[in-house]
Amino acid sequence: MKVLIVEDIKFRQDLIKQKVELEDVNATKKADKALELLERNAYDLVFLDHDLIGMRSGSYPTQRWYEALKKNPAKFKTQKPIVIIHSMNMIGASKMENYLKGISKVTKRIPFKLIVTNKVDLKAAVAELIG
């Protein structure tokens, strides 16, 4: 399974990799880099965080990805992955989720706090989503 993690905090990237036991992973802190990776690689699973440090939030690549797929689906190798949103910014995560519903039939929102405190078993959540 090929995975993209869009998360600006290295500790969180590492924790996601560890909890889901991921090996084939690309990770980025930046929204623009996420778009480049989505164009070049076909991902089976994408973790998106809304609260990215810097000028662009997680909803930026989500909106661009959605708009590009509607106009020219061949532009992105990642077509319809399962997406997990992990953000405590509920307004931002809701905005991302609206775009993602147009891209992926399967999305799940998991606040990162629940992953860190083991209130959500991330590995089980991923297994449930990918069936």
C-alpha atoms as a PDB file:
ATOM      1  CA  MET A   1       0.000   0.000   0.000  1.00  0.00           C
ATOM      2  CA  LYS A   2       1.412   3.376  -1.048  1.00  0.00           C
ATOM      3  CA  VAL A   3       0.679   6.194   1.405  1.00  0.00           C
ATOM      4  CA  LEU A   4       1.020   9.979   1.471  1.00  0.00           C
ATOM      5  CA  ILE A   5       1.115  11.855   4.770  1.00  0.00           C
ATOM      6  CA  VAL A   6       0.571  15.619   4.582  1.00  0.00           C
ATOM      7  CA  GLU A   7       1.535  16.768   8.056  1.00  0.00           C
ATOM      8  CA  ASP A   8       3.812  19.590   9.148  1.00  0.00           C
ATOM      9  CA  ILE A   9       4.945  18.066  12.441  1.00  0.00           C
ATOM     10  CA  LYS A  10       7.588  15.340  12.057  1.00  0.00           C
ATOM     11  CA  PHE A  11       6.575  13.649  15.315  1.00  0.00           C
ATOM     12  CA  ARG A  12       3.052  13.195  13.954  1.00  0.00           C
ATOM     13  CA  GLN A  13       4.334  11.838  10.645  1.00  0.00           C
ATOM     14  CA  ASP A  14       6.436   9.288  12.529  1.00  0.00           C
ATOM     15  CA  LEU A  15       3.588   8.373  14.864  1.00  0.00           C
ATOM     16  CA  ILE A  16       1.219   7.708  11.965  1.00  0.00           C
ATOM     17  CA  LYS A  17       3.838   5.528  10.263  1.00  0.00           C
ATOM     18  CA  GLN A  18       4.422   3.616  13.498  1.00  0.00           C
ATOM     19  CA  LYS A  19       0.770   3.116  14.450  1.00  0.00           C
ATOM     20  CA  VAL A  20      -0.259   1.869  11.023  1.00  0.00           C
ATOM     21  CA  GLU A  21       3.061   0.077  10.416  1.00  0.00           C
ATOM     22  CA  LEU A  22       3.594   1.834   7.110  1.00  0.00           C
ATOM     23  CA  GLU A  23       6.636   1.309   4.922  1.00  0.00           C
ATOM     24  CA  ASP A  24       5.921   2.720   1.447  1.00  0.00           C
ATOM     25  CA  VAL A  25       5.330   6.298   2.561  1.00  0.00           C
ATOM     26  CA  ASN A  26       5.897   9.774   1.193  1.00  0.00           C
ATOM     27  CA  ALA A  27       5.515  12.576   3.704  1.00  0.00           C
ATOM     28  CA  THR A  28       5.507  16.323   3.296  1.00  0.00           C
ATOM     29  CA  LYS A  29       4.980  19.382   5.444  1.00  0.00           C
ATOM     30  CA  LYS A  30       3.874  21.614   2.573  1.00  0.00           C
ATOM     31  CA  ALA A  31       0.625  21.854   0.649  1.00  0.00           C
ATOM     32  CA  ASP A  32       2.321  22.643  -2.679  1.00  0.00           C
ATOM     33  CA  LYS A  33       4.602  19.618  -2.345  1.00  0.00           C
ATOM     34  CA  ALA A  34       1.547  17.461  -1.577  1.00  0.00           C
ATOM     35  CA  LEU A  35       0.033  18.491  -4.914  1.00  0.00           C
ATOM     36  CA  GLU A  36       3.242  17.552  -6.745  1.00  0.00           C
ATOM     37  CA  LEU A  37       3.288  14.145  -5.057  1.00  0.00           C
ATOM     38  CA  LEU A  38      -0.397  13.515  -5.843  1.00  0.00           C
ATOM     39  CA  GLU A  39       0.321  14.272  -9.509  1.00  0.00           C
ATOM     40  CA  ARG A  40       3.384  11.995  -9.733  1.00  0.00           C
ATOM     41  CA  ASN A  41       2.331   9.009  -7.602  1.00  0.00           C
ATOM     42  CA  ALA A  42      -0.752   6.826  -7.243  1.00  0.00           C
ATOM     43  CA  TYR A  43      -1.566   6.605  -3.534  1.00  0.00           C
ATOM     44  CA  ASP A  44      -3.881   4.089  -1.909  1.00  0.00           C
ATOM     45  CA  LEU A  45      -4.219   6.104   1.265  1.00  0.00           C
ATOM     46  CA  VAL A  46      -3.742   9.795   2.031  1.00  0.00           C
ATOM     47  CA  PHE A  47      -3.540  11.356   5.495  1.00  0.00           C
ATOM     48  CA  LEU A  48      -4.314  15.078   5.411  1.00  0.00           C
ATOM     49  CA  ASP A  49      -3.902  17.581   8.208  1.00  0.00           C
ATOM     50  CA  HIS A  50      -5.699  20.893   7.881  1.00  0.00           C
ATOM     51  CA  ASP A  51      -3.485  22.911  10.185  1.00  0.00           C
ATOM     52  CA  LEU A  52      -0.282  23.108   8.172  1.00  0.00           C
ATOM     53  CA  ILE A  53       2.275  25.695   9.232  1.00  0.00           C
ATOM     54  CA  GLY A  54       2.886  28.343   6.618  1.00  0.00           C
ATOM     55  CA  MET A  55       0.846  30.045   3.955  1.00  0.00           C
ATOM     56  CA  ARG A  56      -1.265  27.124   2.779  1.00  0.00           C
ATOM     57  CA  SER A  57      -3.628  24.998   4.839  1.00  0.00           C
ATOM     58  CA  GLY A  58      -4.540  21.382   4.160  1.00  0.00           C
ATOM     59  CA  SER A  59      -7.683  22.525   2.378  1.00  0.00           C
ATOM     60  CA  TYR A  60      -5.526  24.185  -0.312  1.00  0.00           C
ATOM     61  CA  PRO A  61      -4.212  20.955  -1.911  1.00  0.00           C
ATOM     62  CA  THR A  62      -7.585  19.307  -1.365  1.00  0.00           C
ATOM     63  CA  GLN A  63      -9.405  22.041  -3.283  1.00  0.00           C
ATOM     64  CA  ARG A  64      -6.803  22.101  -6.094  1.00  0.00           C
ATOM     65  CA  TRP A  65      -6.847  18.296  -6.341  1.00  0.00           C
ATOM     66  CA  TYR A  66     -10.655  18.260  -6.509  1.00  0.00           C
ATOM     67  CA  GLU A  67     -10.801  21.027  -9.147  1.00  0.00           C
ATOM     68  CA  ALA A  68      -8.090  19.422 -11.287  1.00  0.00           C
ATOM     69  CA  LEU A  69      -9.737  15.991 -11.210  1.00  0.00           C
ATOM     70  CA  LYS A  70     -13.016  17.521 -12.356  1.00  0.00           C
ATOM     71  CA  LYS A  71     -11.322  19.289 -15.307  1.00  0.00           C
ATOM     72  CA  ASN A  72      -8.644  16.776 -16.261  1.00  0.00           C
ATOM     73  CA  PRO A  73      -8.667  13.469 -14.370  1.00  0.00           C
ATOM     74  CA  ALA A  74      -5.511  12.280 -16.143  1.00  0.00           C
ATOM     75  CA  LYS A  75      -3.453  15.052 -14.509  1.00  0.00           C
ATOM     76  CA  PHE A  76      -3.292  13.223 -11.176  1.00  0.00           C
ATOM     77  CA  LYS A  77      -2.092   9.664 -10.735  1.00  0.00           C
ATOM     78  CA  THR A  78      -3.885   9.603  -7.399  1.00  0.00           C
ATOM     79  CA  GLN A  79      -7.490   9.325  -8.444  1.00  0.00           C
ATOM     80  CA  LYS A  80      -9.702   7.978  -5.664  1.00  0.00           C
ATOM     81  CA  PRO A  81      -7.747   7.068  -2.572  1.00  0.00           C
ATOM     82  CA  ILE A  82      -9.111   6.528   0.859  1.00  0.00           C
ATOM     83  CA  VAL A  83      -8.492   9.707   2.809  1.00  0.00           C
ATOM     84  CA  ILE A  84      -8.139  10.182   6.534  1.00  0.00           C
ATOM     85  CA  ILE A  85      -8.320  13.744   7.818  1.00  0.00           C
ATOM     86  CA  HIS A  86      -6.676  14.352  11.140  1.00  0.00           C
ATOM     87  CA  SER A  87      -7.270  17.825  12.414  1.00  0.00           C
ATOM     88  CA  MET A  88      -8.653  19.505  15.488  1.00  0.00           C
ATOM     89  CA  ASN A  89      -9.708  22.460  13.307  1.00  0.00           C
ATOM     90  CA  MET A  90     -13.262  21.275  12.731  1.00  0.00           C
ATOM     91  CA  ILE A  91     -14.251  24.114  10.379  1.00  0.00           C
ATOM     92  CA  GLY A  92     -11.171  23.535   8.227  1.00  0.00           C
ATOM     93  CA  ALA A  93     -11.595  19.766   8.313  1.00  0.00           C
ATOM     94  CA  SER A  94     -15.244  20.135   7.266  1.00  0.00           C
ATOM     95  CA  LYS A  95     -14.209  22.292   4.309  1.00  0.00           C
ATOM     96  CA  MET A  96     -11.664  19.646   3.260  1.00  0.00           C
ATOM     97  CA  GLU A  97     -14.212  16.879   3.698  1.00  0.00           C
ATOM     98  CA  ASN A  98     -16.655  18.597   1.324  1.00  0.00           C
ATOM     99  CA  TYR A  99     -14.032  18.602  -1.459  1.00  0.00           C
ATOM    100  CA  LEU A 100     -12.935  15.068  -0.663  1.00  0.00           C
ATOM    101  CA  LYS A 101     -16.478  13.716  -1.027  1.00  0.00           C
ATOM    102  CA  GLY A 102     -16.158  14.618  -4.704  1.00  0.00           C
ATOM    103  CA  ILE A 103     -12.896  12.673  -5.015  1.00  0.00           C
ATOM    104  CA  SER A 104     -13.132   9.689  -2.712  1.00  0.00           C
ATOM    105  CA  LYS A 105     -16.056   7.591  -1.619  1.00  0.00           C
ATOM    106  CA  VAL A 106     -14.273   6.769   1.597  1.00  0.00           C
ATOM    107  CA  THR A 107     -13.109   9.450   4.009  1.00  0.00           C
ATOM    108  CA  LYS A 108     -12.724   9.418   7.756  1.00  0.00           C
ATOM    109  CA  ARG A 109     -12.032  12.273  10.120  1.00  0.00           C
ATOM    110  CA  ILE A 110      -9.892  11.417  13.128  1.00  0.00           C
ATOM    111  CA  PRO A 111      -8.677  14.212  15.407  1.00  0.00           C
ATOM    112  CA  PHE A 112      -4.975  13.720  16.049  1.00  0.00           C
ATOM    113  CA  LYS A 113      -5.522  13.999  19.796  1.00  0.00           C
ATOM    114  CA  LEU A 114      -7.483  10.732  19.656  1.00  0.00           C
ATOM    115  CA  ILE A 115      -4.616   9.001  17.851  1.00  0.00           C
ATOM    116  CA  VAL A 116      -2.005  10.175  20.360  1.00  0.00           C
ATOM    117  CA  THR A 117      -4.108   9.181  23.380  1.00  0.00           C
ATOM    118  CA  ASN A 118      -4.990   5.783  21.836  1.00  0.00           C
ATOM    119  CA  LYS A 119      -8.711   6.560  21.950  1.00  0.00           C
ATOM    120  CA  VAL A 120      -8.712   5.601  18.273  1.00  0.00           C
ATOM    121  CA  ASP A 121      -6.809   2.586  17.037  1.00  0.00           C
ATOM    122  CA  LEU A 122      -5.433   4.049  13.819  1.00  0.00           C
ATOM    123  CA  LYS A 123      -4.331   0.689  12.432  1.00  0.00           C
ATOM    124  CA  ALA A 124      -7.826  -0.744  12.961  1.00  0.00           C
ATOM    125  CA  ALA A 125      -9.437   2.357  11.428  1.00  0.00           C
ATOM    126  CA  VAL A 126      -7.277   2.026   8.316  1.00  0.00           C
ATOM    127  CA  ALA A 127      -7.971  -1.723   8.062  1.00  0.00           C
ATOM    128  CA  GLU A 128     -11.704  -1.053   8.307  1.00  0.00           C
ATOM    129  CA  LEU A 129     -11.552   1.571   5.559  1.00  0.00           C
ATOM    130  CA  ILE A 130      -9.507  -0.462   3.094  1.00  0.00           C
ATOM    131  CA  GLY A 131     -11.620  -3.530   3.811  1.00  0.00           C
END
